[in-house]
N, C-alpha and C. Protein backbone atom coordinates (compact mmCIF):
# COMPACT_ATOMS: atom_id res chain seq x y z
N MET A 1 -59.40 -18.92 -48.02
CA MET A 1 -60.34 -17.84 -47.77
C MET A 1 -61.65 -18.43 -47.29
N LEU A 2 -62.33 -17.69 -46.44
CA LEU A 2 -63.61 -18.12 -45.91
C LEU A 2 -64.74 -17.36 -46.59
N ASN A 3 -65.81 -18.07 -46.88
CA ASN A 3 -67.01 -17.44 -47.40
C ASN A 3 -67.85 -17.05 -46.18
N LEU A 4 -67.82 -15.79 -45.80
CA LEU A 4 -68.51 -15.34 -44.58
C LEU A 4 -70.02 -15.41 -44.70
N ASP A 5 -70.56 -15.55 -45.92
CA ASP A 5 -72.00 -15.73 -46.07
C ASP A 5 -72.42 -17.11 -45.58
N LYS A 6 -71.51 -18.08 -45.63
CA LYS A 6 -71.81 -19.45 -45.21
C LYS A 6 -71.19 -19.82 -43.87
N PHE A 7 -70.30 -18.99 -43.36
CA PHE A 7 -69.55 -19.31 -42.15
C PHE A 7 -70.43 -19.09 -40.92
N GLU A 8 -70.61 -20.15 -40.12
CA GLU A 8 -71.45 -20.09 -38.93
C GLU A 8 -70.67 -20.66 -37.75
N VAL A 9 -70.90 -20.09 -36.57
CA VAL A 9 -70.20 -20.53 -35.37
C VAL A 9 -71.20 -20.76 -34.25
N PRO A 10 -71.20 -21.95 -33.64
CA PRO A 10 -72.04 -22.15 -32.45
C PRO A 10 -71.29 -21.71 -31.20
N PHE A 11 -71.97 -21.04 -30.31
CA PHE A 11 -71.38 -20.62 -29.05
C PHE A 11 -71.88 -21.50 -27.92
N ALA A 12 -71.09 -21.65 -26.89
CA ALA A 12 -71.50 -22.39 -25.69
C ALA A 12 -72.60 -21.60 -24.98
N GLN A 13 -73.34 -22.29 -24.14
CA GLN A 13 -74.47 -21.66 -23.45
C GLN A 13 -74.03 -20.57 -22.48
N ASN A 14 -72.81 -20.66 -21.97
CA ASN A 14 -72.38 -19.69 -20.96
C ASN A 14 -71.79 -18.41 -21.57
N VAL A 15 -71.81 -18.26 -22.88
CA VAL A 15 -71.34 -17.04 -23.54
C VAL A 15 -72.49 -16.05 -23.56
N SER A 16 -72.24 -14.84 -23.08
CA SER A 16 -73.31 -13.85 -22.98
C SER A 16 -73.74 -13.36 -24.38
N ASP A 17 -74.95 -12.85 -24.44
CA ASP A 17 -75.48 -12.33 -25.71
C ASP A 17 -74.66 -11.15 -26.21
N GLN A 18 -74.17 -10.34 -25.30
CA GLN A 18 -73.36 -9.17 -25.69
C GLN A 18 -72.07 -9.61 -26.38
N VAL A 19 -71.42 -10.64 -25.85
CA VAL A 19 -70.18 -11.14 -26.46
C VAL A 19 -70.47 -11.75 -27.81
N ARG A 20 -71.57 -12.49 -27.92
CA ARG A 20 -71.96 -13.09 -29.21
C ARG A 20 -72.16 -12.00 -30.27
N GLU A 21 -72.93 -10.98 -29.91
CA GLU A 21 -73.22 -9.91 -30.86
C GLU A 21 -71.96 -9.16 -31.26
N THR A 22 -71.07 -8.94 -30.31
CA THR A 22 -69.83 -8.23 -30.60
C THR A 22 -68.96 -9.03 -31.57
N LEU A 23 -68.79 -10.31 -31.30
CA LEU A 23 -67.96 -11.15 -32.17
C LEU A 23 -68.57 -11.30 -33.56
N CYS A 24 -69.86 -11.58 -33.60
CA CYS A 24 -70.51 -11.76 -34.90
C CYS A 24 -70.50 -10.47 -35.71
N GLY A 25 -70.70 -9.34 -35.05
CA GLY A 25 -70.72 -8.06 -35.75
C GLY A 25 -69.35 -7.65 -36.25
N SER A 26 -68.33 -7.85 -35.44
CA SER A 26 -67.00 -7.39 -35.84
C SER A 26 -66.31 -8.34 -36.80
N LEU A 27 -66.57 -9.64 -36.67
CA LEU A 27 -65.90 -10.61 -37.53
C LEU A 27 -66.74 -11.01 -38.74
N GLY A 28 -68.03 -10.75 -38.71
CA GLY A 28 -68.87 -10.96 -39.88
C GLY A 28 -69.38 -12.36 -40.08
N PHE A 29 -69.46 -13.17 -39.04
CA PHE A 29 -70.04 -14.50 -39.21
C PHE A 29 -71.37 -14.60 -38.47
N LYS A 30 -72.10 -15.69 -38.72
CA LYS A 30 -73.42 -15.88 -38.13
C LYS A 30 -73.33 -16.79 -36.91
N ASP A 31 -74.17 -16.51 -35.94
CA ASP A 31 -74.32 -17.36 -34.76
C ASP A 31 -75.42 -18.37 -35.06
N VAL A 32 -75.18 -19.63 -34.79
CA VAL A 32 -76.19 -20.65 -35.04
C VAL A 32 -76.65 -21.23 -33.72
N ASP A 33 -77.88 -21.69 -33.72
CA ASP A 33 -78.44 -22.36 -32.56
C ASP A 33 -77.82 -23.75 -32.47
N THR A 34 -77.50 -24.18 -31.27
CA THR A 34 -76.84 -25.48 -31.11
C THR A 34 -77.79 -26.64 -31.40
N ARG A 35 -79.07 -26.36 -31.55
CA ARG A 35 -80.02 -27.43 -31.84
C ARG A 35 -80.29 -27.59 -33.33
N ASP A 36 -79.58 -26.86 -34.16
CA ASP A 36 -79.74 -26.97 -35.61
C ASP A 36 -79.24 -28.32 -36.10
N ARG A 37 -79.67 -28.69 -37.30
CA ARG A 37 -79.26 -29.96 -37.89
C ARG A 37 -78.68 -29.69 -39.27
N TYR A 38 -77.69 -30.52 -39.67
CA TYR A 38 -77.08 -30.43 -40.99
C TYR A 38 -76.89 -31.84 -41.47
N LEU A 39 -77.47 -32.17 -42.62
CA LEU A 39 -77.44 -33.52 -43.19
C LEU A 39 -77.95 -34.56 -42.21
N GLY A 40 -78.96 -34.19 -41.43
CA GLY A 40 -79.58 -35.13 -40.51
C GLY A 40 -78.89 -35.26 -39.16
N LEU A 41 -77.77 -34.62 -38.97
CA LEU A 41 -77.06 -34.69 -37.70
C LEU A 41 -77.10 -33.35 -37.00
N ALA A 42 -77.00 -33.38 -35.70
CA ALA A 42 -76.94 -32.14 -34.94
C ALA A 42 -75.65 -31.41 -35.26
N THR A 43 -75.71 -30.08 -35.34
CA THR A 43 -74.50 -29.33 -35.64
C THR A 43 -73.58 -29.27 -34.43
N TYR A 44 -74.14 -29.42 -33.27
CA TYR A 44 -73.33 -29.45 -32.05
C TYR A 44 -73.65 -30.73 -31.31
N ILE A 45 -72.65 -31.54 -31.04
CA ILE A 45 -72.87 -32.83 -30.41
C ILE A 45 -72.68 -32.76 -28.91
N GLY A 46 -71.64 -32.12 -28.46
CA GLY A 46 -71.42 -31.98 -27.03
C GLY A 46 -71.07 -33.31 -26.36
N ARG A 47 -71.55 -33.47 -25.14
CA ARG A 47 -71.21 -34.67 -24.37
C ARG A 47 -72.23 -35.79 -24.53
N THR A 48 -73.32 -35.55 -25.20
CA THR A 48 -74.38 -36.56 -25.33
C THR A 48 -74.23 -37.33 -26.64
N LYS A 49 -73.04 -37.78 -26.93
CA LYS A 49 -72.78 -38.48 -28.19
C LYS A 49 -73.59 -39.77 -28.31
N LYS A 50 -73.76 -40.47 -27.21
CA LYS A 50 -74.48 -41.74 -27.24
C LYS A 50 -75.92 -41.54 -27.70
N ALA A 51 -76.58 -40.54 -27.19
CA ALA A 51 -77.97 -40.27 -27.57
C ALA A 51 -78.07 -39.82 -29.02
N ILE A 52 -77.16 -38.98 -29.46
CA ILE A 52 -77.20 -38.47 -30.84
C ILE A 52 -76.97 -39.60 -31.84
N PHE A 53 -75.93 -40.38 -31.61
CA PHE A 53 -75.58 -41.41 -32.57
C PHE A 53 -76.44 -42.66 -32.46
N SER A 54 -77.21 -42.81 -31.39
CA SER A 54 -78.12 -43.94 -31.31
C SER A 54 -79.22 -43.81 -32.36
N ILE A 55 -79.55 -42.58 -32.73
CA ILE A 55 -80.56 -42.36 -33.78
C ILE A 55 -80.06 -42.93 -35.11
N ILE A 56 -78.80 -42.69 -35.42
CA ILE A 56 -78.21 -43.22 -36.65
C ILE A 56 -78.16 -44.74 -36.60
N GLN A 57 -77.77 -45.27 -35.46
CA GLN A 57 -77.70 -46.73 -35.30
C GLN A 57 -79.08 -47.36 -35.50
N ASP A 58 -80.12 -46.75 -34.96
CA ASP A 58 -81.49 -47.27 -35.14
C ASP A 58 -81.90 -47.25 -36.60
N GLN A 59 -81.56 -46.18 -37.31
CA GLN A 59 -81.91 -46.09 -38.73
C GLN A 59 -81.20 -47.16 -39.55
N VAL A 60 -79.94 -47.42 -39.24
CA VAL A 60 -79.19 -48.45 -39.96
C VAL A 60 -79.78 -49.82 -39.69
N TRP A 61 -80.11 -50.09 -38.43
CA TRP A 61 -80.70 -51.39 -38.10
C TRP A 61 -82.04 -51.60 -38.79
N LYS A 62 -82.85 -50.55 -38.90
CA LYS A 62 -84.12 -50.67 -39.60
C LYS A 62 -83.93 -51.04 -41.06
N LYS A 63 -82.92 -50.44 -41.70
CA LYS A 63 -82.65 -50.74 -43.10
C LYS A 63 -82.09 -52.15 -43.28
N LEU A 64 -81.30 -52.60 -42.32
CA LEU A 64 -80.74 -53.94 -42.41
C LEU A 64 -81.80 -55.02 -42.23
N LYS A 65 -82.78 -54.74 -41.39
CA LYS A 65 -83.85 -55.71 -41.17
C LYS A 65 -84.72 -55.80 -42.39
């Protein structure tokens, strides 16, 4: 079972606002911004994995030094 109070779905940029509202309203989940963060990581990574994970790599190197 899903807890719909916590269930969130990111949509791609090319999905219209009308489709987002229809899906979220009928299915009962929340739309999240793709720029949100969870536990320090972006909720949506996309194709820019190198840039996103370089931040983690820099933090690890700082702690190792």
